[in-house]
Amino acid sequence: MTPLVQIDQLALLDDKSLLLVEDDEILLERLAAALNVRGFAVRAASSIETGLEIVRASPPAFAVVDLRLADGSGLAIVSEMRAARPDSRCIVMTGYGNIPTAVSAAKLGADDYLTKPVDADEITDALLTPRGSITPPPAHPMALDEKEWAHISNVLAQCSNNISEAARRLNMHRRSLQRIVRRHEAT
């Protein structure tokens, strides 16, 4: 649950509009519902095109954008947000985090860069952290093994549980992936 301080901060804000851009429909629905509960007025989009339409029509105060979308890079939305509404807070989230993309996101105006799996509490904390401050660490961080498994299971789901295709996307050997899946099925 989000700390009371964060909820109080959100209650004081005039504009609680938030653009959420994610091409994984299940994750999009879950995050939108969780962020609505936390007081944001969420407008959801599953593509860059739809996200840009929302920004151009009525730029929101907040944006949470996936880096890799089916139709390109979510950084295009961050750039458009900065041009349309410089005071907005933009968060980039990705399952493929690395230093070069984090630097690119920061140069284009992203306020924070979160690696998936990420929950609504982490997103809320990042959105409400004042500019120039450091986002507080999560109260209950996932263990590295849990994060790894969450990412692997997400990729497996995207590949309809096709081990060979998931292994290619994860850049790992098929048998290694099979061993990891078996280990997690046994627990």
N, C-alpha and C. Protein backbone atom coordinates (compact mmCIF):
# COMPACT_ATOMS: atom_id res chain seq x y z
N MET A 1 0.84 -1.18 0.00
CA MET A 1 0.00 0.00 0.00
C MET A 1 0.88 1.24 0.00
N THR A 2 0.47 2.27 -0.67
CA THR A 2 1.22 3.50 -0.76
C THR A 2 1.23 4.20 0.59
N PRO A 3 2.40 4.72 1.01
CA PRO A 3 2.46 5.44 2.29
C PRO A 3 1.48 6.61 2.30
N LEU A 4 0.97 6.94 3.50
CA LEU A 4 0.01 8.04 3.64
C LEU A 4 0.56 9.37 3.14
N VAL A 5 1.85 9.58 3.33
CA VAL A 5 2.46 10.83 2.88
C VAL A 5 2.24 11.00 1.38
N GLN A 6 2.44 9.91 0.61
CA GLN A 6 2.26 9.97 -0.83
C GLN A 6 0.80 10.26 -1.19
N ILE A 7 -0.12 9.63 -0.53
CA ILE A 7 -1.53 9.85 -0.81
C ILE A 7 -1.89 11.30 -0.49
N ASP A 8 -1.38 11.84 0.64
CA ASP A 8 -1.64 13.23 1.00
C ASP A 8 -1.07 14.17 -0.05
N GLN A 9 0.13 13.86 -0.57
CA GLN A 9 0.73 14.70 -1.60
C GLN A 9 -0.17 14.72 -2.84
N LEU A 10 -0.69 13.57 -3.22
CA LEU A 10 -1.55 13.49 -4.40
C LEU A 10 -2.85 14.26 -4.17
N ALA A 11 -3.38 14.21 -2.96
CA ALA A 11 -4.63 14.91 -2.66
C ALA A 11 -4.47 16.43 -2.82
N LEU A 12 -3.26 16.94 -2.62
CA LEU A 12 -3.02 18.37 -2.73
C LEU A 12 -2.85 18.84 -4.17
N LEU A 13 -2.64 17.91 -5.08
CA LEU A 13 -2.42 18.28 -6.47
C LEU A 13 -3.72 18.65 -7.16
N ASP A 14 -3.68 19.69 -7.99
CA ASP A 14 -4.86 20.09 -8.76
C ASP A 14 -5.10 19.14 -9.93
N ASP A 15 -4.05 18.78 -10.61
CA ASP A 15 -4.16 17.95 -11.81
C ASP A 15 -3.59 16.57 -11.53
N LYS A 16 -4.44 15.57 -11.54
CA LYS A 16 -4.04 14.19 -11.26
C LYS A 16 -4.08 13.33 -12.52
N SER A 17 -4.10 14.00 -13.68
CA SER A 17 -4.18 13.25 -14.95
C SER A 17 -2.89 12.50 -15.21
N LEU A 18 -3.01 11.26 -15.66
CA LEU A 18 -1.87 10.40 -15.90
C LEU A 18 -2.07 9.62 -17.20
N LEU A 19 -1.06 9.63 -18.03
CA LEU A 19 -1.04 8.82 -19.24
C LEU A 19 -0.23 7.58 -18.96
N LEU A 20 -0.81 6.41 -19.19
CA LEU A 20 -0.13 5.14 -19.01
C LEU A 20 -0.05 4.47 -20.37
N VAL A 21 1.18 4.22 -20.87
CA VAL A 21 1.38 3.62 -22.18
C VAL A 21 2.13 2.30 -22.00
N GLU A 22 1.46 1.21 -22.34
CA GLU A 22 2.01 -0.15 -22.19
C GLU A 22 1.33 -1.04 -23.22
N ASP A 23 2.11 -1.83 -23.97
CA ASP A 23 1.50 -2.67 -25.00
C ASP A 23 1.09 -4.05 -24.50
N ASP A 24 1.45 -4.41 -23.27
CA ASP A 24 0.97 -5.65 -22.66
C ASP A 24 -0.39 -5.33 -22.05
N GLU A 25 -1.46 -5.79 -22.68
CA GLU A 25 -2.83 -5.43 -22.28
C GLU A 25 -3.13 -5.79 -20.83
N ILE A 26 -2.67 -6.94 -20.37
CA ILE A 26 -2.96 -7.36 -18.99
C ILE A 26 -2.27 -6.42 -18.00
N LEU A 27 -1.00 -6.13 -18.25
CA LEU A 27 -0.27 -5.22 -17.37
C LEU A 27 -0.88 -3.82 -17.43
N LEU A 28 -1.28 -3.39 -18.62
CA LEU A 28 -1.91 -2.08 -18.78
C LEU A 28 -3.17 -1.97 -17.93
N GLU A 29 -4.03 -2.97 -18.00
CA GLU A 29 -5.28 -2.96 -17.22
C GLU A 29 -5.00 -2.96 -15.72
N ARG A 30 -4.06 -3.80 -15.28
CA ARG A 30 -3.78 -3.90 -13.85
C ARG A 30 -3.16 -2.62 -13.30
N LEU A 31 -2.18 -2.07 -14.02
CA LEU A 31 -1.56 -0.83 -13.55
C LEU A 31 -2.55 0.33 -13.58
N ALA A 32 -3.38 0.40 -14.62
CA ALA A 32 -4.38 1.47 -14.70
C ALA A 32 -5.33 1.40 -13.50
N ALA A 33 -5.80 0.22 -13.18
CA ALA A 33 -6.71 0.06 -12.03
C ALA A 33 -6.01 0.43 -10.72
N ALA A 34 -4.78 -0.04 -10.55
CA ALA A 34 -4.04 0.24 -9.31
C ALA A 34 -3.73 1.73 -9.17
N LEU A 35 -3.39 2.40 -10.26
CA LEU A 35 -3.09 3.83 -10.18
C LEU A 35 -4.37 4.66 -10.01
N ASN A 36 -5.48 4.20 -10.55
CA ASN A 36 -6.78 4.86 -10.29
C ASN A 36 -7.11 4.81 -8.80
N VAL A 37 -6.89 3.66 -8.18
CA VAL A 37 -7.15 3.50 -6.75
C VAL A 37 -6.29 4.46 -5.94
N ARG A 38 -5.09 4.74 -6.43
CA ARG A 38 -4.17 5.64 -5.73
C ARG A 38 -4.46 7.11 -6.03
N GLY A 39 -5.56 7.40 -6.74
CA GLY A 39 -5.99 8.78 -6.91
C GLY A 39 -5.69 9.43 -8.25
N PHE A 40 -5.02 8.73 -9.15
CA PHE A 40 -4.71 9.30 -10.45
C PHE A 40 -5.90 9.14 -11.40
N ALA A 41 -6.05 10.06 -12.32
CA ALA A 41 -7.06 9.97 -13.38
C ALA A 41 -6.34 9.41 -14.60
N VAL A 42 -6.39 8.09 -14.75
CA VAL A 42 -5.57 7.39 -15.75
C VAL A 42 -6.25 7.35 -17.11
N ARG A 43 -5.47 7.71 -18.13
CA ARG A 43 -5.86 7.49 -19.53
C ARG A 43 -4.84 6.50 -20.07
N ALA A 44 -5.32 5.37 -20.55
CA ALA A 44 -4.44 4.28 -20.98
C ALA A 44 -4.32 4.22 -22.49
N ALA A 45 -3.12 3.84 -22.95
CA ALA A 45 -2.86 3.67 -24.37
C ALA A 45 -1.94 2.45 -24.54
N SER A 46 -2.16 1.72 -25.64
CA SER A 46 -1.33 0.54 -25.88
C SER A 46 -0.38 0.74 -27.05
N SER A 47 -0.29 1.96 -27.58
CA SER A 47 0.63 2.23 -28.69
C SER A 47 1.16 3.66 -28.61
N ILE A 48 2.24 3.89 -29.32
CA ILE A 48 2.81 5.23 -29.37
C ILE A 48 1.81 6.18 -30.01
N GLU A 49 1.21 5.75 -31.10
CA GLU A 49 0.25 6.60 -31.82
C GLU A 49 -0.87 7.09 -30.91
N THR A 50 -1.48 6.18 -30.16
CA THR A 50 -2.57 6.55 -29.26
C THR A 50 -2.06 7.44 -28.13
N GLY A 51 -0.88 7.12 -27.59
CA GLY A 51 -0.30 7.94 -26.54
C GLY A 51 -0.03 9.36 -27.01
N LEU A 52 0.51 9.50 -28.22
CA LEU A 52 0.78 10.83 -28.77
C LEU A 52 -0.51 11.62 -29.01
N GLU A 53 -1.57 10.93 -29.44
CA GLU A 53 -2.86 11.59 -29.63
C GLU A 53 -3.36 12.18 -28.31
N ILE A 54 -3.21 11.42 -27.23
CA ILE A 54 -3.65 11.88 -25.90
C ILE A 54 -2.82 13.09 -25.47
N VAL A 55 -1.49 13.01 -25.67
CA VAL A 55 -0.62 14.13 -25.28
C VAL A 55 -0.97 15.38 -26.06
N ARG A 56 -1.20 15.23 -27.35
CA ARG A 56 -1.50 16.40 -28.19
C ARG A 56 -2.87 17.00 -27.88
N ALA A 57 -3.84 16.16 -27.53
CA ALA A 57 -5.18 16.65 -27.24
C ALA A 57 -5.25 17.36 -25.89
N SER A 58 -4.62 16.76 -24.89
CA SER A 58 -4.67 17.32 -23.54
C SER A 58 -3.51 16.73 -22.73
N PRO A 59 -2.37 17.41 -22.72
CA PRO A 59 -1.19 16.86 -22.04
C PRO A 59 -1.45 16.61 -20.56
N PRO A 60 -1.21 15.40 -20.09
CA PRO A 60 -1.45 15.09 -18.67
C PRO A 60 -0.32 15.61 -17.78
N ALA A 61 -0.57 15.62 -16.49
CA ALA A 61 0.43 16.05 -15.51
C ALA A 61 1.50 14.98 -15.31
N PHE A 62 1.12 13.71 -15.52
CA PHE A 62 2.02 12.59 -15.29
C PHE A 62 1.97 11.64 -16.48
N ALA A 63 3.09 10.94 -16.70
CA ALA A 63 3.11 9.89 -17.73
C ALA A 63 3.99 8.75 -17.27
N VAL A 64 3.53 7.54 -17.52
CA VAL A 64 4.31 6.32 -17.28
C VAL A 64 4.31 5.60 -18.61
N VAL A 65 5.50 5.45 -19.19
CA VAL A 65 5.62 4.95 -20.57
C VAL A 65 6.57 3.78 -20.62
N ASP A 66 6.13 2.70 -21.27
CA ASP A 66 7.01 1.57 -21.51
C ASP A 66 8.02 1.98 -22.57
N LEU A 67 9.26 1.54 -22.43
CA LEU A 67 10.31 1.91 -23.37
C LEU A 67 10.12 1.22 -24.71
N ARG A 68 9.91 -0.09 -24.68
CA ARG A 68 9.74 -0.86 -25.91
C ARG A 68 8.28 -1.18 -26.14
N LEU A 69 7.73 -0.56 -27.17
CA LEU A 69 6.35 -0.81 -27.53
C LEU A 69 6.33 -1.48 -28.90
N ALA A 70 5.23 -2.10 -29.23
CA ALA A 70 5.13 -2.83 -30.50
C ALA A 70 5.39 -1.92 -31.70
N ASP A 71 5.02 -0.64 -31.59
CA ASP A 71 5.19 0.27 -32.73
C ASP A 71 6.37 1.23 -32.57
N GLY A 72 7.31 0.95 -31.66
CA GLY A 72 8.52 1.76 -31.55
C GLY A 72 8.92 2.05 -30.12
N SER A 73 9.69 3.11 -29.95
CA SER A 73 10.23 3.49 -28.64
C SER A 73 9.30 4.46 -27.94
N GLY A 74 9.03 4.19 -26.68
CA GLY A 74 8.21 5.07 -25.87
C GLY A 74 8.87 6.42 -25.59
N LEU A 75 10.17 6.53 -25.90
CA LEU A 75 10.86 7.80 -25.69
C LEU A 75 10.26 8.92 -26.55
N ALA A 76 9.61 8.56 -27.66
CA ALA A 76 8.94 9.56 -28.50
C ALA A 76 7.85 10.27 -27.71
N ILE A 77 7.18 9.53 -26.83
CA ILE A 77 6.11 10.13 -26.01
C ILE A 77 6.71 11.04 -24.95
N VAL A 78 7.84 10.61 -24.36
CA VAL A 78 8.50 11.45 -23.36
C VAL A 78 8.90 12.78 -23.98
N SER A 79 9.49 12.73 -25.15
CA SER A 79 9.92 13.94 -25.86
C SER A 79 8.73 14.86 -26.15
N GLU A 80 7.64 14.29 -26.61
CA GLU A 80 6.42 15.06 -26.91
C GLU A 80 5.83 15.66 -25.63
N MET A 81 5.86 14.90 -24.53
CA MET A 81 5.35 15.40 -23.25
C MET A 81 6.13 16.62 -22.79
N ARG A 82 7.45 16.55 -22.91
CA ARG A 82 8.30 17.66 -22.48
C ARG A 82 8.00 18.92 -23.29
N ALA A 83 7.75 18.74 -24.58
CA ALA A 83 7.45 19.89 -25.44
C ALA A 83 6.06 20.46 -25.12
N ALA A 84 5.09 19.58 -24.89
CA ALA A 84 3.71 20.02 -24.66
C ALA A 84 3.48 20.54 -23.24
N ARG A 85 4.16 19.93 -22.27
CA ARG A 85 3.93 20.31 -20.87
C ARG A 85 5.23 20.12 -20.08
N PRO A 86 6.07 21.13 -20.04
CA PRO A 86 7.38 21.01 -19.38
C PRO A 86 7.32 20.68 -17.88
N ASP A 87 6.22 21.02 -17.21
CA ASP A 87 6.11 20.76 -15.78
C ASP A 87 5.65 19.34 -15.45
N SER A 88 5.38 18.52 -16.46
CA SER A 88 4.88 17.17 -16.22
C SER A 88 5.99 16.28 -15.66
N ARG A 89 5.56 15.16 -15.06
CA ARG A 89 6.50 14.14 -14.55
C ARG A 89 6.38 12.93 -15.45
N CYS A 90 7.49 12.50 -16.03
CA CYS A 90 7.51 11.35 -16.95
C CYS A 90 8.38 10.24 -16.39
N ILE A 91 7.83 9.05 -16.34
CA ILE A 91 8.55 7.88 -15.88
C ILE A 91 8.63 6.89 -17.03
N VAL A 92 9.82 6.36 -17.27
CA VAL A 92 10.01 5.32 -18.29
C VAL A 92 10.19 4.01 -17.54
N MET A 93 9.48 2.97 -17.99
CA MET A 93 9.65 1.65 -17.40
C MET A 93 10.00 0.67 -18.51
N THR A 94 10.82 -0.31 -18.18
CA THR A 94 11.25 -1.27 -19.19
C THR A 94 11.67 -2.58 -18.57
N GLY A 95 11.50 -3.62 -19.33
CA GLY A 95 12.01 -4.94 -18.95
C GLY A 95 13.39 -5.17 -19.52
N TYR A 96 13.89 -4.20 -20.28
CA TYR A 96 15.18 -4.34 -20.97
C TYR A 96 16.09 -3.19 -20.57
N GLY A 97 16.21 -2.94 -19.27
CA GLY A 97 16.97 -1.80 -18.79
C GLY A 97 18.46 -1.94 -19.03
N ASN A 98 19.06 -0.84 -19.47
CA ASN A 98 20.51 -0.75 -19.56
C ASN A 98 20.91 0.71 -19.48
N ILE A 99 22.18 0.96 -19.29
CA ILE A 99 22.66 2.32 -19.08
C ILE A 99 22.43 3.23 -20.29
N PRO A 100 22.72 2.80 -21.53
CA PRO A 100 22.49 3.71 -22.65
C PRO A 100 21.04 4.17 -22.79
N THR A 101 20.07 3.27 -22.59
CA THR A 101 18.67 3.70 -22.71
C THR A 101 18.26 4.58 -21.54
N ALA A 102 18.82 4.34 -20.37
CA ALA A 102 18.52 5.20 -19.22
C ALA A 102 19.05 6.61 -19.47
N VAL A 103 20.25 6.71 -20.05
CA VAL A 103 20.82 8.02 -20.37
C VAL A 103 19.97 8.72 -21.42
N SER A 104 19.56 7.98 -22.46
CA SER A 104 18.71 8.56 -23.50
C SER A 104 17.39 9.06 -22.92
N ALA A 105 16.80 8.27 -22.04
CA ALA A 105 15.54 8.67 -21.41
C ALA A 105 15.72 9.96 -20.61
N ALA A 106 16.81 10.05 -19.85
CA ALA A 106 17.08 11.24 -19.06
C ALA A 106 17.30 12.46 -19.96
N LYS A 107 18.03 12.28 -21.05
CA LYS A 107 18.29 13.40 -21.97
C LYS A 107 17.01 13.91 -22.61
N LEU A 108 16.06 13.02 -22.85
CA LEU A 108 14.79 13.42 -23.47
C LEU A 108 13.79 13.96 -22.45
N GLY A 109 14.15 13.90 -21.16
CA GLY A 109 13.30 14.52 -20.16
C GLY A 109 12.61 13.58 -19.19
N ALA A 110 12.93 12.30 -19.20
CA ALA A 110 12.32 11.38 -18.23
C ALA A 110 12.80 11.74 -16.83
N ASP A 111 11.88 11.73 -15.88
CA ASP A 111 12.22 12.04 -14.49
C ASP A 111 12.75 10.82 -13.75
N ASP A 112 12.36 9.63 -14.19
CA ASP A 112 12.83 8.41 -13.55
C ASP A 112 12.78 7.27 -14.56
N TYR A 113 13.48 6.19 -14.25
CA TYR A 113 13.64 5.04 -15.14
C TYR A 113 13.51 3.81 -14.26
N LEU A 114 12.44 3.05 -14.44
CA LEU A 114 12.18 1.89 -13.60
C LEU A 114 12.27 0.61 -14.42
N THR A 115 12.88 -0.41 -13.84
CA THR A 115 12.95 -1.69 -14.54
C THR A 115 11.83 -2.60 -14.06
N LYS A 116 11.22 -3.30 -15.01
CA LYS A 116 10.15 -4.24 -14.71
C LYS A 116 10.77 -5.50 -14.10
N PRO A 117 10.04 -6.21 -13.31
CA PRO A 117 8.67 -5.92 -12.89
C PRO A 117 8.65 -4.77 -11.90
N VAL A 118 7.63 -3.95 -12.03
CA VAL A 118 7.45 -2.78 -11.18
C VAL A 118 6.00 -2.76 -10.73
N ASP A 119 5.78 -2.33 -9.50
CA ASP A 119 4.39 -2.30 -9.02
C ASP A 119 3.89 -0.86 -8.89
N ALA A 120 2.63 -0.72 -8.63
CA ALA A 120 1.99 0.61 -8.57
C ALA A 120 2.57 1.48 -7.45
N ASP A 121 2.99 0.87 -6.36
CA ASP A 121 3.59 1.65 -5.28
C ASP A 121 4.91 2.28 -5.72
N GLU A 122 5.74 1.52 -6.41
CA GLU A 122 7.02 2.05 -6.91
C GLU A 122 6.77 3.17 -7.92
N ILE A 123 5.78 2.97 -8.79
CA ILE A 123 5.45 4.00 -9.79
C ILE A 123 4.95 5.27 -9.10
N THR A 124 4.06 5.11 -8.11
CA THR A 124 3.54 6.26 -7.38
C THR A 124 4.65 7.02 -6.68
N ASP A 125 5.54 6.30 -6.03
CA ASP A 125 6.68 6.95 -5.36
C ASP A 125 7.52 7.73 -6.36
N ALA A 126 7.80 7.15 -7.52
CA ALA A 126 8.60 7.83 -8.53
C ALA A 126 7.88 9.06 -9.08
N LEU A 127 6.58 8.95 -9.29
CA LEU A 127 5.81 10.08 -9.82
C LEU A 127 5.75 11.25 -8.85
N LEU A 128 5.64 10.95 -7.57
CA LEU A 128 5.45 12.00 -6.57
C LEU A 128 6.75 12.49 -5.93
N THR A 129 7.87 11.93 -6.31
CA THR A 129 9.16 12.41 -5.81
C THR A 129 9.47 13.76 -6.47
N PRO A 130 9.75 14.77 -5.68
CA PRO A 130 10.04 16.09 -6.27
C PRO A 130 11.23 16.03 -7.23
N ARG A 131 11.16 16.85 -8.26
CA ARG A 131 12.23 16.93 -9.25
C ARG A 131 13.55 17.26 -8.55
N GLY A 132 14.59 16.53 -8.91
CA GLY A 132 15.90 16.74 -8.31
C GLY A 132 16.14 15.90 -7.07
N SER A 133 15.12 15.21 -6.57
CA SER A 133 15.27 14.34 -5.42
C SER A 133 15.41 12.90 -5.89
N ILE A 134 15.87 12.06 -5.01
CA ILE A 134 16.04 10.65 -5.32
C ILE A 134 14.80 9.90 -4.87
N THR A 135 14.27 9.06 -5.76
CA THR A 135 13.11 8.23 -5.43
C THR A 135 13.49 7.29 -4.29
N PRO A 136 12.66 7.18 -3.26
CA PRO A 136 12.99 6.28 -2.15
C PRO A 136 12.98 4.82 -2.62
N PRO A 137 13.82 3.99 -2.00
CA PRO A 137 13.82 2.58 -2.38
C PRO A 137 12.50 1.93 -1.98
N PRO A 138 12.09 0.85 -2.69
CA PRO A 138 10.83 0.20 -2.33
C PRO A 138 10.87 -0.36 -0.91
N ALA A 139 9.72 -0.32 -0.25
CA ALA A 139 9.63 -0.82 1.13
C ALA A 139 9.89 -2.31 1.20
N HIS A 140 9.43 -3.05 0.19
CA HIS A 140 9.60 -4.49 0.16
C HIS A 140 10.13 -4.90 -1.21
N PRO A 141 11.45 -4.69 -1.43
CA PRO A 141 11.98 -5.00 -2.76
C PRO A 141 11.95 -6.50 -3.04
N MET A 142 11.76 -6.81 -4.32
CA MET A 142 11.79 -8.21 -4.73
C MET A 142 13.23 -8.70 -4.73
N ALA A 143 13.42 -9.95 -4.39
CA ALA A 143 14.75 -10.55 -4.48
C ALA A 143 15.11 -10.67 -5.96
N LEU A 144 16.40 -10.68 -6.25
CA LEU A 144 16.85 -10.75 -7.63
C LEU A 144 16.27 -11.97 -8.34
N ASP A 145 16.21 -13.10 -7.67
CA ASP A 145 15.66 -14.31 -8.26
C ASP A 145 14.18 -14.13 -8.60
N GLU A 146 13.43 -13.43 -7.74
CA GLU A 146 12.01 -13.18 -8.00
C GLU A 146 11.83 -12.26 -9.21
N LYS A 147 12.67 -11.23 -9.32
CA LYS A 147 12.60 -10.32 -10.46
C LYS A 147 12.93 -11.06 -11.75
N GLU A 148 13.97 -11.89 -11.68
CA GLU A 148 14.36 -12.66 -12.86
C GLU A 148 13.21 -13.57 -13.30
N TRP A 149 12.60 -14.26 -12.35
CA TRP A 149 11.51 -15.17 -12.69
C TRP A 149 10.30 -14.41 -13.22
N ALA A 150 10.01 -13.26 -12.64
CA ALA A 150 8.88 -12.46 -13.12
C ALA A 150 9.11 -12.03 -14.57
N HIS A 151 10.33 -11.63 -14.89
CA HIS A 151 10.65 -11.24 -16.27
C HIS A 151 10.56 -12.44 -17.21
N ILE A 152 11.12 -13.56 -16.80
CA ILE A 152 11.08 -14.76 -17.64
C ILE A 152 9.65 -15.22 -17.86
N SER A 153 8.84 -15.24 -16.82
CA SER A 153 7.45 -15.69 -16.98
C SER A 153 6.65 -14.73 -17.85
N ASN A 154 6.97 -13.44 -17.81
CA ASN A 154 6.32 -12.46 -18.67
C ASN A 154 6.68 -12.73 -20.13
N VAL A 155 7.95 -12.96 -20.41
CA VAL A 155 8.37 -13.25 -21.78
C VAL A 155 7.76 -14.57 -22.25
N LEU A 156 7.72 -15.57 -21.40
CA LEU A 156 7.08 -16.84 -21.75
C LEU A 156 5.62 -16.64 -22.11
N ALA A 157 4.91 -15.83 -21.34
CA ALA A 157 3.50 -15.56 -21.62
C ALA A 157 3.34 -14.86 -22.96
N GLN A 158 4.23 -13.92 -23.27
CA GLN A 158 4.18 -13.21 -24.55
C GLN A 158 4.41 -14.16 -25.72
N CYS A 159 5.16 -15.24 -25.46
CA CYS A 159 5.47 -16.23 -26.50
C CYS A 159 4.53 -17.43 -26.45
N SER A 160 3.42 -17.31 -25.77
CA SER A 160 2.45 -18.41 -25.61
C SER A 160 3.11 -19.68 -25.08
N ASN A 161 4.02 -19.49 -24.12
CA ASN A 161 4.77 -20.58 -23.47
C ASN A 161 5.63 -21.40 -24.43
N ASN A 162 6.01 -20.83 -25.54
CA ASN A 162 6.92 -21.48 -26.48
C ASN A 162 8.35 -21.27 -25.97
N ILE A 163 8.93 -22.33 -25.43
CA ILE A 163 10.25 -22.26 -24.80
C ILE A 163 11.32 -21.79 -25.79
N SER A 164 11.30 -22.31 -27.00
CA SER A 164 12.33 -21.94 -27.99
C SER A 164 12.27 -20.45 -28.32
N GLU A 165 11.07 -19.93 -28.57
CA GLU A 165 10.92 -18.51 -28.90
C GLU A 165 11.29 -17.64 -27.70
N ALA A 166 10.85 -18.03 -26.50
CA ALA A 166 11.19 -17.27 -25.30
C ALA A 166 12.70 -17.25 -25.07
N ALA A 167 13.35 -18.38 -25.28
CA ALA A 167 14.81 -18.45 -25.12
C ALA A 167 15.51 -17.51 -26.10
N ARG A 168 15.02 -17.45 -27.34
CA ARG A 168 15.60 -16.51 -28.31
C ARG A 168 15.43 -15.07 -27.84
N ARG A 169 14.23 -14.73 -27.37
CA ARG A 169 13.99 -13.35 -26.91
C ARG A 169 14.80 -13.00 -25.67
N LEU A 170 15.04 -13.99 -24.83
CA LEU A 170 15.81 -13.78 -23.60
C LEU A 170 17.32 -13.90 -23.83
N ASN A 171 17.68 -14.27 -25.06
CA ASN A 171 19.09 -14.45 -25.42
C ASN A 171 19.77 -15.48 -24.51
N MET A 172 19.10 -16.63 -24.38
CA MET A 172 19.67 -17.70 -23.58
C MET A 172 19.43 -19.04 -24.27
N HIS A 173 20.14 -20.05 -23.85
CA HIS A 173 19.98 -21.38 -24.44
C HIS A 173 18.65 -21.98 -23.99
N ARG A 174 18.01 -22.69 -24.91
CA ARG A 174 16.70 -23.28 -24.65
C ARG A 174 16.73 -24.21 -23.43
N ARG A 175 17.76 -25.02 -23.32
CA ARG A 175 17.84 -25.97 -22.20
C ARG A 175 18.01 -25.25 -20.86
N SER A 176 18.73 -24.15 -20.87
CA SER A 176 18.87 -23.36 -19.64
C SER A 176 17.52 -22.83 -19.19
N LEU A 177 16.75 -22.34 -20.17
CA LEU A 177 15.41 -21.85 -19.85
C LEU A 177 14.52 -22.98 -19.34
N GLN A 178 14.61 -24.14 -19.95
CA GLN A 178 13.82 -25.28 -19.49
C GLN A 178 14.15 -25.64 -18.04
N ARG A 179 15.44 -25.60 -17.68
CA ARG A 179 15.83 -25.91 -16.30
C ARG A 179 15.25 -24.88 -15.33
N ILE A 180 15.29 -23.61 -15.71
CA ILE A 180 14.74 -22.56 -14.84
C ILE A 180 13.25 -22.75 -14.65
N VAL A 181 12.54 -23.06 -15.74
CA VAL A 181 11.09 -23.26 -15.66
C VAL A 181 10.77 -24.46 -14.77
N ARG A 182 11.50 -25.56 -14.96
CA ARG A 182 11.27 -26.75 -14.12
C ARG A 182 11.53 -26.46 -12.65
N ARG A 183 12.58 -25.69 -12.37
CA ARG A 183 12.92 -25.36 -10.98
C ARG A 183 11.78 -24.56 -10.34
N HIS A 184 11.20 -23.63 -11.08
CA HIS A 184 10.12 -22.82 -10.53
C HIS A 184 8.79 -23.56 -10.47
N GLU A 185 8.59 -24.53 -11.35
CA GLU A 185 7.37 -25.35 -11.29
C GLU A 185 7.40 -26.26 -10.08
N ALA A 186 8.59 -26.67 -9.66
CA ALA A 186 8.74 -27.58 -8.52
C ALA A 186 8.50 -26.87 -7.18
N THR A 187 8.64 -25.54 -7.17
CA THR A 187 8.47 -24.82 -5.90
C THR A 187 7.05 -24.36 -5.69
